[in-house]
Amino acid sequence: MTKRTQVVLVRHAQTEMITKNRIHGHSDSPLSQKGIRDANKTADRLREQSFDVFYSSSIGRAMSTAEIIGDALNMTPVPTDGLKERYYGWLEGKPLSLFDRPAWKRGQILPHR
């Protein structure tokens, strides 16, 4: 008999930065009211599931989401730095629209020469 490993991935709930269409990366933002409601819905959905371990990114928005879910599971999320979102440097906190097309094509920054 082969033992199976099942992995369940849940992304953090909506944040205030998301509502403003801002780039997160390592920058943090609290969950929005909608985010809190959605995290509670996810918790309700997972409530009857059984998990051996429960990891979360150590970033606040992910831990907030994980703590809501953890309460439903009677589990404490293990903060894990290796699950952090990508670091976007100077783009963090900037409008998400910067990813729509290169900023230099919009005249906002000059291309490197």
PDB file of N, CA and C in Angstrom:
ATOM      1  N   MET A   1       0.829  -1.173   0.000  1.00  0.00           N
ATOM      2  CA  MET A   1       0.000   0.000   0.000  1.00  0.00           C
ATOM      3  C   MET A   1       0.880   1.244   0.000  1.00  0.00           C
ATOM      4  N   THR A   2       0.587   2.183  -0.892  1.00  0.00           N
ATOM      5  CA  THR A   2       1.361   3.414  -1.013  1.00  0.00           C
ATOM      6  C   THR A   2       0.680   4.529  -0.229  1.00  0.00           C
ATOM      7  N   LYS A   3       1.454   5.198   0.592  1.00  0.00           N
ATOM      8  CA  LYS A   3       0.922   6.328   1.350  1.00  0.00           C
ATOM      9  C   LYS A   3       0.934   7.567   0.468  1.00  0.00           C
ATOM     10  N   ARG A   4      -0.194   8.235   0.376  1.00  0.00           N
ATOM     11  CA  ARG A   4      -0.316   9.434  -0.453  1.00  0.00           C
ATOM     12  C   ARG A   4      -0.138  10.683   0.399  1.00  0.00           C
ATOM     13  N   THR A   5       0.453  11.680  -0.217  1.00  0.00           N
ATOM     14  CA  THR A   5       0.564  12.985   0.415  1.00  0.00           C
ATOM     15  C   THR A   5      -0.340  13.947  -0.334  1.00  0.00           C
ATOM     16  N   GLN A   6      -1.204  14.594   0.398  1.00  0.00           N
ATOM     17  CA  GLN A   6      -2.088  15.584  -0.197  1.00  0.00           C
ATOM     18  C   GLN A   6      -1.669  16.959   0.317  1.00  0.00           C
ATOM     19  N   VAL A   7      -1.536  17.903  -0.590  1.00  0.00           N
ATOM     20  CA  VAL A   7      -1.164  19.264  -0.235  1.00  0.00           C
ATOM     21  C   VAL A   7      -2.320  20.187  -0.604  1.00  0.00           C
ATOM     22  N   VAL A   8      -2.727  21.022   0.323  1.00  0.00           N
ATOM     23  CA  VAL A   8      -3.785  21.999   0.075  1.00  0.00           C
ATOM     24  C   VAL A   8      -3.151  23.378   0.152  1.00  0.00           C
ATOM     25  N   LEU A   9      -3.285  24.157  -0.919  1.00  0.00           N
ATOM     26  CA  LEU A   9      -2.726  25.508  -0.952  1.00  0.00           C
ATOM     27  C   LEU A   9      -3.856  26.524  -0.887  1.00  0.00           C
ATOM     28  N   VAL A  10      -3.688  27.509  -0.029  1.00  0.00           N
ATOM     29  CA  VAL A  10      -4.652  28.592   0.095  1.00  0.00           C
ATOM     30  C   VAL A  10      -3.869  29.899   0.033  1.00  0.00           C
ATOM     31  N   ARG A  11      -4.280  30.775  -0.859  1.00  0.00           N
ATOM     32  CA  ARG A  11      -3.627  32.084  -0.946  1.00  0.00           C
ATOM     33  C   ARG A  11      -4.218  32.992   0.121  1.00  0.00           C
ATOM     34  N   HIS A  12      -3.428  33.948   0.576  1.00  0.00           N
ATOM     35  CA  HIS A  12      -3.950  34.883   1.579  1.00  0.00           C
ATOM     36  C   HIS A  12      -5.185  35.599   1.039  1.00  0.00           C
ATOM     37  N   ALA A  13      -6.033  36.046   1.941  1.00  0.00           N
ATOM     38  CA  ALA A  13      -7.267  36.731   1.558  1.00  0.00           C
ATOM     39  C   ALA A  13      -6.962  38.162   1.100  1.00  0.00           C
ATOM     40  N   GLN A  14      -7.988  38.825   0.584  1.00  0.00           N
ATOM     41  CA  GLN A  14      -7.840  40.183   0.059  1.00  0.00           C
ATOM     42  C   GLN A  14      -7.324  41.136   1.148  1.00  0.00           C
ATOM     43  N   THR A  15      -6.436  42.028   0.734  1.00  0.00           N
ATOM     44  CA  THR A  15      -5.871  43.021   1.653  1.00  0.00           C
ATOM     45  C   THR A  15      -6.281  44.426   1.231  1.00  0.00           C
ATOM     46  N   GLU A  16      -5.976  45.370   2.100  1.00  0.00           N
ATOM     47  CA  GLU A  16      -6.243  46.779   1.773  1.00  0.00           C
ATOM     48  C   GLU A  16      -5.434  47.209   0.552  1.00  0.00           C
ATOM     49  N   MET A  17      -4.190  46.724   0.419  1.00  0.00           N
ATOM     50  CA  MET A  17      -3.370  47.077  -0.749  1.00  0.00           C
ATOM     51  C   MET A  17      -3.983  46.530  -2.037  1.00  0.00           C
ATOM     52  N   ILE A  18      -4.557  45.337  -1.973  1.00  0.00           N
ATOM     53  CA  ILE A  18      -5.187  44.756  -3.159  1.00  0.00           C
ATOM     54  C   ILE A  18      -6.368  45.620  -3.591  1.00  0.00           C
ATOM     55  N   THR A  19      -7.148  46.114  -2.618  1.00  0.00           N
ATOM     56  CA  THR A  19      -8.299  46.947  -2.969  1.00  0.00           C
ATOM     57  C   THR A  19      -7.866  48.242  -3.647  1.00  0.00           C
ATOM     58  N   LYS A  20      -6.611  48.651  -3.413  1.00  0.00           N
ATOM     59  CA  LYS A  20      -6.069  49.868  -4.032  1.00  0.00           C
ATOM     60  C   LYS A  20      -5.206  49.537  -5.246  1.00  0.00           C
ATOM     61  N   ASN A  21      -5.238  48.261  -5.683  1.00  0.00           N
ATOM     62  CA  ASN A  21      -4.451  47.799  -6.833  1.00  0.00           C
ATOM     63  C   ASN A  21      -2.968  48.128  -6.692  1.00  0.00           C
ATOM     64  N   ARG A  22      -2.424  47.818  -5.519  1.00  0.00           N
ATOM     65  CA  ARG A  22      -1.010  48.044  -5.237  1.00  0.00           C
ATOM     66  C   ARG A  22      -0.262  46.718  -5.185  1.00  0.00           C
ATOM     67  N   ILE A  23       1.017  46.756  -5.506  1.00  0.00           N
ATOM     68  CA  ILE A  23       1.875  45.576  -5.513  1.00  0.00           C
ATOM     69  C   ILE A  23       2.356  45.298  -4.089  1.00  0.00           C
ATOM     70  N   HIS A  24       2.214  44.046  -3.633  1.00  0.00           N
ATOM     71  CA  HIS A  24       2.631  43.654  -2.288  1.00  0.00           C
ATOM     72  C   HIS A  24       4.102  43.286  -2.206  1.00  0.00           C
ATOM     73  N   GLY A  25       4.418  42.116  -2.744  1.00  0.00           N
ATOM     74  CA  GLY A  25       5.750  41.559  -2.530  1.00  0.00           C
ATOM     75  C   GLY A  25       5.949  41.279  -1.054  1.00  0.00           C
ATOM     76  N   HIS A  26       7.069  41.724  -0.486  1.00  0.00           N
ATOM     77  CA  HIS A  26       7.333  41.535   0.933  1.00  0.00           C
ATOM     78  C   HIS A  26       6.637  42.593   1.775  1.00  0.00           C
ATOM     79  N   SER A  27       6.189  43.696   1.136  1.00  0.00           N
ATOM     80  CA  SER A  27       5.443  44.720   1.876  1.00  0.00           C
ATOM     81  C   SER A  27       4.149  44.103   2.373  1.00  0.00           C
ATOM     82  N   ASP A  28       3.684  44.580   3.507  1.00  0.00           N
ATOM     83  CA  ASP A  28       2.503  43.964   4.091  1.00  0.00           C
ATOM     84  C   ASP A  28       1.343  44.942   4.128  1.00  0.00           C
ATOM     85  N   SER A  29       0.176  44.397   4.312  1.00  0.00           N
ATOM     86  CA  SER A  29      -1.056  45.165   4.391  1.00  0.00           C
ATOM     87  C   SER A  29      -2.080  44.332   5.142  1.00  0.00           C
ATOM     88  N   PRO A  30      -2.895  44.953   5.968  1.00  0.00           N
ATOM     89  CA  PRO A  30      -3.907  44.172   6.686  1.00  0.00           C
ATOM     90  C   PRO A  30      -4.982  43.648   5.753  1.00  0.00           C
ATOM     91  N   LEU A  31      -5.670  42.609   6.196  1.00  0.00           N
ATOM     92  CA  LEU A  31      -6.789  42.082   5.420  1.00  0.00           C
ATOM     93  C   LEU A  31      -7.904  43.124   5.372  1.00  0.00           C
ATOM     94  N   SER A  32      -8.568  43.192   4.242  1.00  0.00           N
ATOM     95  CA  SER A  32      -9.747  44.050   4.114  1.00  0.00           C
ATOM     96  C   SER A  32     -10.924  43.351   4.800  1.00  0.00           C
ATOM     97  N   GLN A  33     -12.035  44.040   4.949  1.00  0.00           N
ATOM     98  CA  GLN A  33     -13.224  43.412   5.530  1.00  0.00           C
ATOM     99  C   GLN A  33     -13.663  42.225   4.672  1.00  0.00           C
ATOM    100  N   LYS A  34     -13.609  42.400   3.345  1.00  0.00           N
ATOM    101  CA  LYS A  34     -13.938  41.297   2.427  1.00  0.00           C
ATOM    102  C   LYS A  34     -12.957  40.144   2.631  1.00  0.00           C
ATOM    103  N   GLY A  35     -11.684  40.468   2.810  1.00  0.00           N
ATOM    104  CA  GLY A  35     -10.670  39.442   3.040  1.00  0.00           C
ATOM    105  C   GLY A  35     -10.951  38.627   4.288  1.00  0.00           C
ATOM    106  N   ILE A  36     -11.369  39.300   5.347  1.00  0.00           N
ATOM    107  CA  ILE A  36     -11.702  38.604   6.588  1.00  0.00           C
ATOM    108  C   ILE A  36     -12.908  37.688   6.370  1.00  0.00           C
ATOM    109  N   ARG A  37     -13.920  38.184   5.666  1.00  0.00           N
ATOM    110  CA  ARG A  37     -15.098  37.348   5.372  1.00  0.00           C
ATOM    111  C   ARG A  37     -14.701  36.139   4.532  1.00  0.00           C
ATOM    112  N   ASP A  38     -13.864  36.369   3.512  1.00  0.00           N
ATOM    113  CA  ASP A  38     -13.447  35.267   2.637  1.00  0.00           C
ATOM    114  C   ASP A  38     -12.592  34.248   3.382  1.00  0.00           C
ATOM    115  N   ALA A  39     -11.725  34.708   4.273  1.00  0.00           N
ATOM    116  CA  ALA A  39     -10.909  33.786   5.069  1.00  0.00           C
ATOM    117  C   ALA A  39     -11.813  32.933   5.957  1.00  0.00           C
ATOM    118  N   ASN A  40     -12.851  33.534   6.511  1.00  0.00           N
ATOM    119  CA  ASN A  40     -13.811  32.777   7.322  1.00  0.00           C
ATOM    120  C   ASN A  40     -14.576  31.760   6.487  1.00  0.00           C
ATOM    121  N   LYS A  41     -14.915  32.094   5.247  1.00  0.00           N
ATOM    122  CA  LYS A  41     -15.579  31.138   4.350  1.00  0.00           C
ATOM    123  C   LYS A  41     -14.662  29.957   4.059  1.00  0.00           C
ATOM    124  N   THR A  42     -13.390  30.251   3.817  1.00  0.00           N
ATOM    125  CA  THR A  42     -12.424  29.181   3.569  1.00  0.00           C
ATOM    126  C   THR A  42     -12.285  28.309   4.813  1.00  0.00           C
ATOM    127  N   ALA A  43     -12.241  28.939   5.969  1.00  0.00           N
ATOM    128  CA  ALA A  43     -12.149  28.187   7.224  1.00  0.00           C
ATOM    129  C   ALA A  43     -13.350  27.256   7.378  1.00  0.00           C
ATOM    130  N   ASP A  44     -14.541  27.756   7.063  1.00  0.00           N
ATOM    131  CA  ASP A  44     -15.741  26.916   7.155  1.00  0.00           C
ATOM    132  C   ASP A  44     -15.649  25.731   6.205  1.00  0.00           C
ATOM    133  N   ARG A  45     -15.119  25.979   5.018  1.00  0.00           N
ATOM    134  CA  ARG A  45     -14.995  24.914   4.008  1.00  0.00           C
ATOM    135  C   ARG A  45     -14.008  23.831   4.447  1.00  0.00           C
ATOM    136  N   LEU A  46     -12.934  24.239   5.130  1.00  0.00           N
ATOM    137  CA  LEU A  46     -11.881  23.299   5.531  1.00  0.00           C
ATOM    138  C   LEU A  46     -12.094  22.714   6.928  1.00  0.00           C
ATOM    139  N   ARG A  47     -13.077  23.197   7.638  1.00  0.00           N
ATOM    140  CA  ARG A  47     -13.293  22.834   9.050  1.00  0.00           C
ATOM    141  C   ARG A  47     -13.308  21.325   9.305  1.00  0.00           C
ATOM    142  N   GLU A  48     -13.886  20.560   8.420  1.00  0.00           N
ATOM    143  CA  GLU A  48     -14.019  19.108   8.639  1.00  0.00           C
ATOM    144  C   GLU A  48     -12.814  18.320   8.116  1.00  0.00           C
ATOM    145  N   GLN A  49     -11.841  19.000   7.532  1.00  0.00           N
ATOM    146  CA  GLN A  49     -10.664  18.328   7.002  1.00  0.00           C
ATOM    147  C   GLN A  49      -9.673  18.034   8.122  1.00  0.00           C
ATOM    148  N   SER A  50      -8.842  17.056   7.878  1.00  0.00           N
ATOM    149  CA  SER A  50      -7.800  16.694   8.834  1.00  0.00           C
ATOM    150  C   SER A  50      -6.440  16.930   8.181  1.00  0.00           C
ATOM    151  N   PHE A  51      -5.568  17.628   8.899  1.00  0.00           N
ATOM    152  CA  PHE A  51      -4.237  17.942   8.383  1.00  0.00           C
ATOM    153  C   PHE A  51      -3.190  17.529   9.407  1.00  0.00           C
ATOM    154  N   ASP A  52      -2.059  17.066   8.907  1.00  0.00           N
ATOM    155  CA  ASP A  52      -0.953  16.693   9.792  1.00  0.00           C
ATOM    156  C   ASP A  52      -0.132  17.905  10.200  1.00  0.00           C
ATOM    157  N   VAL A  53      -0.013  18.871   9.301  1.00  0.00           N
ATOM    158  CA  VAL A  53       0.806  20.058   9.543  1.00  0.00           C
ATOM    159  C   VAL A  53       0.178  21.226   8.803  1.00  0.00           C
ATOM    160  N   PHE A  54       0.426  22.429   9.272  1.00  0.00           N
ATOM    161  CA  PHE A  54      -0.216  23.615   8.724  1.00  0.00           C
ATOM    162  C   PHE A  54       0.813  24.735   8.665  1.00  0.00           C
ATOM    163  N   TYR A  55       1.324  25.012   7.470  1.00  0.00           N
ATOM    164  CA  TYR A  55       2.343  26.042   7.269  1.00  0.00           C
ATOM    165  C   TYR A  55       1.714  27.305   6.690  1.00  0.00           C
ATOM    166  N   SER A  56       2.364  28.431   6.949  1.00  0.00           N
ATOM    167  CA  SER A  56       1.942  29.702   6.365  1.00  0.00           C
ATOM    168  C   SER A  56       3.173  30.551   6.102  1.00  0.00           C
ATOM    169  N   SER A  57       3.076  31.402   5.101  1.00  0.00           N
ATOM    170  CA  SER A  57       4.089  32.432   4.934  1.00  0.00           C
ATOM    171  C   SER A  57       4.142  33.227   6.235  1.00  0.00           C
ATOM    172  N   SER A  58       5.297  33.750   6.565  1.00  0.00           N
ATOM    173  CA  SER A  58       5.444  34.525   7.799  1.00  0.00           C
ATOM    174  C   SER A  58       4.967  35.972   7.643  1.00  0.00           C
ATOM    175  N   ILE A  59       4.616  36.375   6.428  1.00  0.00           N
ATOM    176  CA  ILE A  59       4.128  37.735   6.200  1.00  0.00           C
ATOM    177  C   ILE A  59       2.752  37.893   6.856  1.00  0.00           C
ATOM    178  N   GLY A  60       2.501  39.030   7.440  1.00  0.00           N
ATOM    179  CA  GLY A  60       1.308  39.280   8.236  1.00  0.00           C
ATOM    180  C   GLY A  60      -0.008  38.934   7.578  1.00  0.00           C
ATOM    181  N   ARG A  61      -0.195  39.301   6.305  1.00  0.00           N
ATOM    182  CA  ARG A  61      -1.479  39.037   5.636  1.00  0.00           C
ATOM    183  C   ARG A  61      -1.743  37.543   5.523  1.00  0.00           C
ATOM    184  N   ALA A  62      -0.671  36.769   5.282  1.00  0.00           N
ATOM    185  CA  ALA A  62      -0.814  35.314   5.182  1.00  0.00           C
ATOM    186  C   ALA A  62      -1.063  34.714   6.561  1.00  0.00           C
ATOM    187  N   MET A  63      -0.346  35.211   7.570  1.00  0.00           N
ATOM    188  CA  MET A  63      -0.552  34.705   8.930  1.00  0.00           C
ATOM    189  C   MET A  63      -1.952  35.041   9.429  1.00  0.00           C
ATOM    190  N   SER A  64      -2.464  36.224   9.092  1.00  0.00           N
ATOM    191  CA  SER A  64      -3.831  36.586   9.501  1.00  0.00           C
ATOM    192  C   SER A  64      -4.844  35.626   8.895  1.00  0.00           C
ATOM    193  N   THR A  65      -4.668  35.332   7.611  1.00  0.00           N
ATOM    194  CA  THR A  65      -5.549  34.380   6.935  1.00  0.00           C
ATOM    195  C   THR A  65      -5.411  33.005   7.569  1.00  0.00           C
ATOM    196  N   ALA A  66      -4.171  32.579   7.796  1.00  0.00           N
ATOM    197  CA  ALA A  66      -3.907  31.254   8.368  1.00  0.00           C
ATOM    198  C   ALA A  66      -4.451  31.121   9.788  1.00  0.00           C
ATOM    199  N   GLU A  67      -4.386  32.183  10.567  1.00  0.00           N
ATOM    200  CA  GLU A  67      -4.897  32.121  11.941  1.00  0.00           C
ATOM    201  C   GLU A  67      -6.413  31.943  11.959  1.00  0.00           C
ATOM    202  N   ILE A  68      -7.108  32.603  11.020  1.00  0.00           N
ATOM    203  CA  ILE A  68      -8.560  32.425  10.919  1.00  0.00           C
ATOM    204  C   ILE A  68      -8.881  30.974  10.573  1.00  0.00           C
ATOM    205  N   ILE A  69      -8.149  30.433   9.601  1.00  0.00           N
ATOM    206  CA  ILE A  69      -8.362  29.037   9.197  1.00  0.00           C
ATOM    207  C   ILE A  69      -7.934  28.101  10.324  1.00  0.00           C
ATOM    208  N   GLY A  70      -6.811  28.401  10.963  1.00  0.00           N
ATOM    209  CA  GLY A  70      -6.307  27.578  12.056  1.00  0.00           C
ATOM    210  C   GLY A  70      -7.285  27.465  13.209  1.00  0.00           C
ATOM    211  N   ASP A  71      -7.997  28.556  13.503  1.00  0.00           N
ATOM    212  CA  ASP A  71      -9.009  28.502  14.567  1.00  0.00           C
ATOM    213  C   ASP A  71     -10.072  27.446  14.247  1.00  0.00           C
ATOM    214  N   ALA A  72     -10.474  27.382  12.975  1.00  0.00           N
ATOM    215  CA  ALA A  72     -11.484  26.396  12.555  1.00  0.00           C
ATOM    216  C   ALA A  72     -10.940  24.975  12.614  1.00  0.00           C
ATOM    217  N   LEU A  73      -9.638  24.821  12.370  1.00  0.00           N
ATOM    218  CA  LEU A  73      -9.014  23.501  12.343  1.00  0.00           C
ATOM    219  C   LEU A  73      -8.466  23.075  13.705  1.00  0.00           C
ATOM    220  N   ASN A  74      -8.500  23.986  14.669  1.00  0.00           N
ATOM    221  CA  ASN A  74      -7.845  23.771  15.962  1.00  0.00           C
ATOM    222  C   ASN A  74      -6.365  23.475  15.769  1.00  0.00           C
ATOM    223  N   MET A  75      -5.750  24.242  14.875  1.00  0.00           N
ATOM    224  CA  MET A  75      -4.323  24.105  14.584  1.00  0.00           C
ATOM    225  C   MET A  75      -3.678  25.484  14.591  1.00  0.00           C
ATOM    226  N   THR A  76      -2.410  25.513  14.928  1.00  0.00           N
ATOM    227  CA  THR A  76      -1.638  26.749  14.883  1.00  0.00           C
ATOM    228  C   THR A  76      -0.765  26.727  13.639  1.00  0.00           C
ATOM    229  N   PRO A  77      -0.896  27.739  12.772  1.00  0.00           N
ATOM    230  CA  PRO A  77      -0.046  27.761  11.581  1.00  0.00           C
ATOM    231  C   PRO A  77       1.420  27.956  11.957  1.00  0.00           C
ATOM    232  N   VAL A  78       2.288  27.276  11.224  1.00  0.00           N
ATOM    233  CA  VAL A  78       3.727  27.393  11.436  1.00  0.00           C
ATOM    234  C   VAL A  78       4.247  28.446  10.454  1.00  0.00           C
ATOM    235  N   PRO A  79       4.689  29.624  10.959  1.00  0.00           N
ATOM    236  CA  PRO A  79       5.208  30.649  10.052  1.00  0.00           C
ATOM    237  C   PRO A  79       6.494  30.169   9.391  1.00  0.00           C
ATOM    238  N   THR A  80       6.537  30.308   8.063  1.00  0.00           N
ATOM    239  CA  THR A  80       7.652  29.776   7.286  1.00  0.00           C
ATOM    240  C   THR A  80       8.148  30.830   6.298  1.00  0.00           C
ATOM    241  N   ASP A  81       9.351  31.348   6.532  1.00  0.00           N
ATOM    242  CA  ASP A  81       9.893  32.403   5.666  1.00  0.00           C
ATOM    243  C   ASP A  81      10.006  31.967   4.208  1.00  0.00           C
ATOM    244  N   GLY A  82      10.258  30.685   3.991  1.00  0.00           N
ATOM    245  CA  GLY A  82      10.424  30.182   2.628  1.00  0.00           C
ATOM    246  C   GLY A  82       9.164  30.258   1.782  1.00  0.00           C
ATOM    247  N   LEU A  83       8.032  30.586   2.394  1.00  0.00           N
ATOM    248  CA  LEU A  83       6.775  30.712   1.655  1.00  0.00           C
ATOM    249  C   LEU A  83       6.424  32.167   1.351  1.00  0.00           C
ATOM    250  N   LYS A  84       7.345  33.080   1.643  1.00  0.00           N
ATOM    251  CA  LYS A  84       7.078  34.496   1.372  1.00  0.00           C
ATOM    252  C   LYS A  84       6.891  34.732  -0.118  1.00  0.00           C
ATOM    253  N   GLU A  85       6.110  35.740  -0.418  1.00  0.00           N
ATOM    254  CA  GLU A  85       5.904  36.153  -1.803  1.00  0.00           C
ATOM    255  C   GLU A  85       7.207  36.725  -2.361  1.00  0.00           C
ATOM    256  N   ARG A  86       7.291  36.775  -3.654  1.00  0.00           N
ATOM    257  CA  ARG A  86       8.454  37.334  -4.342  1.00  0.00           C
ATOM    258  C   ARG A  86       8.694  38.782  -3.886  1.00  0.00           C
ATOM    259  N   TYR A  87       9.965  39.181  -3.843  1.00  0.00           N
ATOM    260  CA  TYR A  87      10.341  40.547  -3.488  1.00  0.00           C
ATOM    261  C   TYR A  87      10.391  41.377  -4.762  1.00  0.00           C
ATOM    262  N   TYR A  88       9.662  42.494  -4.798  1.00  0.00           N
ATOM    263  CA  TYR A  88       9.601  43.335  -5.998  1.00  0.00           C
ATOM    264  C   TYR A  88      10.395  44.627  -5.875  1.00  0.00           C
ATOM    265  N   GLY A  89      11.151  44.790  -4.805  1.00  0.00           N
ATOM    266  CA  GLY A  89      12.007  45.963  -4.664  1.00  0.00           C
ATOM    267  C   GLY A  89      11.232  47.270  -4.732  1.00  0.00           C
ATOM    268  N   TRP A  90      11.708  48.188  -5.567  1.00  0.00           N
ATOM    269  CA  TRP A  90      11.118  49.528  -5.656  1.00  0.00           C
ATOM    270  C   TRP A  90       9.672  49.513  -6.142  1.00  0.00           C
ATOM    271  N   LEU A  91       9.226  48.397  -6.727  1.00  0.00           N
ATOM    272  CA  LEU A  91       7.850  48.318  -7.208  1.00  0.00           C
ATOM    273  C   LEU A  91       6.829  48.106  -6.082  1.00  0.00           C
ATOM    274  N   GLU A  92       7.301  47.669  -4.924  1.00  0.00           N
ATOM    275  CA  GLU A  92       6.370  47.380  -3.841  1.00  0.00           C
ATOM    276  C   GLU A  92       5.650  48.655  -3.400  1.00  0.00           C
ATOM    277  N   GLY A  93       4.336  48.553  -3.308  1.00  0.00           N
ATOM    278  CA  GLY A  93       3.508  49.694  -2.946  1.00  0.00           C
ATOM    279  C   GLY A  93       3.069  50.523  -4.140  1.00  0.00           C
ATOM    280  N   LYS A  94       3.677  50.247  -5.293  1.00  0.00           N
ATOM    281  CA  LYS A  94       3.329  50.984  -6.514  1.00  0.00           C
ATOM    282  C   LYS A  94       2.082  50.364  -7.154  1.00  0.00           C
ATOM    283  N   PRO A  95       1.470  51.097  -8.101  1.00  0.00           N
ATOM    284  CA  PRO A  95       0.269  50.571  -8.767  1.00  0.00           C
ATOM    285  C   PRO A  95       0.542  49.272  -9.525  1.00  0.00           C
ATOM    286  N   LEU A  96      -0.404  48.364  -9.435  1.00  0.00           N
ATOM    287  CA  LEU A  96      -0.320  47.086 -10.132  1.00  0.00           C
ATOM    288  C   LEU A  96      -0.253  47.281 -11.645  1.00  0.00           C
ATOM    289  N   SER A  97      -0.743  48.393 -12.128  1.00  0.00           N
ATOM    290  CA  SER A  97      -0.747  48.673 -13.567  1.00  0.00           C
ATOM    291  C   SER A  97       0.663  48.728 -14.158  1.00  0.00           C
ATOM    292  N   LEU A  98       1.688  48.864 -13.317  1.00  0.00           N
ATOM    293  CA  LEU A  98       3.067  48.855 -13.821  1.00  0.00           C
ATOM    294  C   LEU A  98       3.405  47.520 -14.471  1.00  0.00           C
ATOM    295  N   PHE A  99       2.644  46.459 -14.140  1.00  0.00           N
ATOM    296  CA  PHE A  99       2.875  45.155 -14.739  1.00  0.00           C
ATOM    297  C   PHE A  99       2.107  44.973 -16.043  1.00  0.00           C
ATOM    298  N   ASP A 100       1.229  45.910 -16.373  1.00  0.00           N
ATOM    299  CA  ASP A 100       0.440  45.796 -17.600  1.00  0.00           C
ATOM    300  C   ASP A 100       1.310  45.840 -18.848  1.00  0.00           C
ATOM    301  N   ARG A 101       2.246  46.740 -18.869  1.00  0.00           N
ATOM    302  CA  ARG A 101       3.211  46.848 -19.956  1.00  0.00           C
ATOM    303  C   ARG A 101       4.406  47.599 -19.401  1.00  0.00           C
ATOM    304  N   PRO A 102       5.552  47.492 -20.022  1.00  0.00           N
ATOM    305  CA  PRO A 102       6.749  48.128 -19.461  1.00  0.00           C
ATOM    306  C   PRO A 102       6.539  49.621 -19.201  1.00  0.00           C
ATOM    307  N   ALA A 103       6.980  50.064 -18.022  1.00  0.00           N
ATOM    308  CA  ALA A 103       6.805  51.470 -17.636  1.00  0.00           C
ATOM    309  C   ALA A 103       7.472  52.411 -18.624  1.00  0.00           C
ATOM    310  N   TRP A 104       8.611  52.002 -19.199  1.00  0.00           N
ATOM    311  CA  TRP A 104       9.291  52.903 -20.118  1.00  0.00           C
ATOM    312  C   TRP A 104       8.466  53.139 -21.372  1.00  0.00           C
ATOM    313  N   LYS A 105       7.609  52.179 -21.736  1.00  0.00           N
ATOM    314  CA  LYS A 105       6.737  52.376 -22.899  1.00  0.00           C
ATOM    315  C   LYS A 105       5.632  53.377 -22.594  1.00  0.00           C
ATOM    316  N   ARG A 106       5.336  53.558 -21.327  1.00  0.00           N
ATOM    317  CA  ARG A 106       4.328  54.538 -20.937  1.00  0.00           C
ATOM    318  C   ARG A 106       4.965  55.897 -20.639  1.00  0.00           C
ATOM    319  N   GLY A 107       6.295  55.984 -20.788  1.00  0.00           N
ATOM    320  CA  GLY A 107       6.987  57.235 -20.542  1.00  0.00           C
ATOM    321  C   GLY A 107       7.233  57.537 -19.083  1.00  0.00           C
ATOM    322  N   GLN A 108       7.035  56.544 -18.200  1.00  0.00           N
ATOM    323  CA  GLN A 108       7.211  56.798 -16.769  1.00  0.00           C
ATOM    324  C   GLN A 108       8.661  56.655 -16.332  1.00  0.00           C
ATOM    325  N   ILE A 109       9.411  55.784 -16.955  1.00  0.00           N
ATOM    326  CA  ILE A 109      10.832  55.652 -16.668  1.00  0.00           C
ATOM    327  C   ILE A 109      11.562  55.451 -17.997  1.00  0.00           C
ATOM    328  N   LEU A 110      12.797  55.835 -18.014  1.00  0.00           N
ATOM    329  CA  LEU A 110      13.588  55.672 -19.238  1.00  0.00           C
ATOM    330  C   LEU A 110      14.211  54.289 -19.264  1.00  0.00           C
ATOM    331  N   PRO A 111      14.291  53.665 -20.448  1.00  0.00           N
ATOM    332  CA  PRO A 111      14.954  52.359 -20.539  1.00  0.00           C
ATOM    333  C   PRO A 111      16.445  52.510 -20.265  1.00  0.00           C
ATOM    334  N   HIS A 112      17.073  51.441 -19.737  1.00  0.00           N
ATOM    335  CA  HIS A 112      18.517  51.450 -19.506  1.00  0.00           C
ATOM    336  C   HIS A 112      19.232  51.417 -20.839  1.00  0.00           C
ATOM    337  N   ARG A 113      20.274  52.181 -20.957  1.00  0.00           N
ATOM    338  CA  ARG A 113      21.066  52.201 -22.211  1.00  0.00           C
ATOM    339  C   ARG A 113      22.476  51.839 -21.936  1.00  0.00           C
TER     340      ARG A 113
END
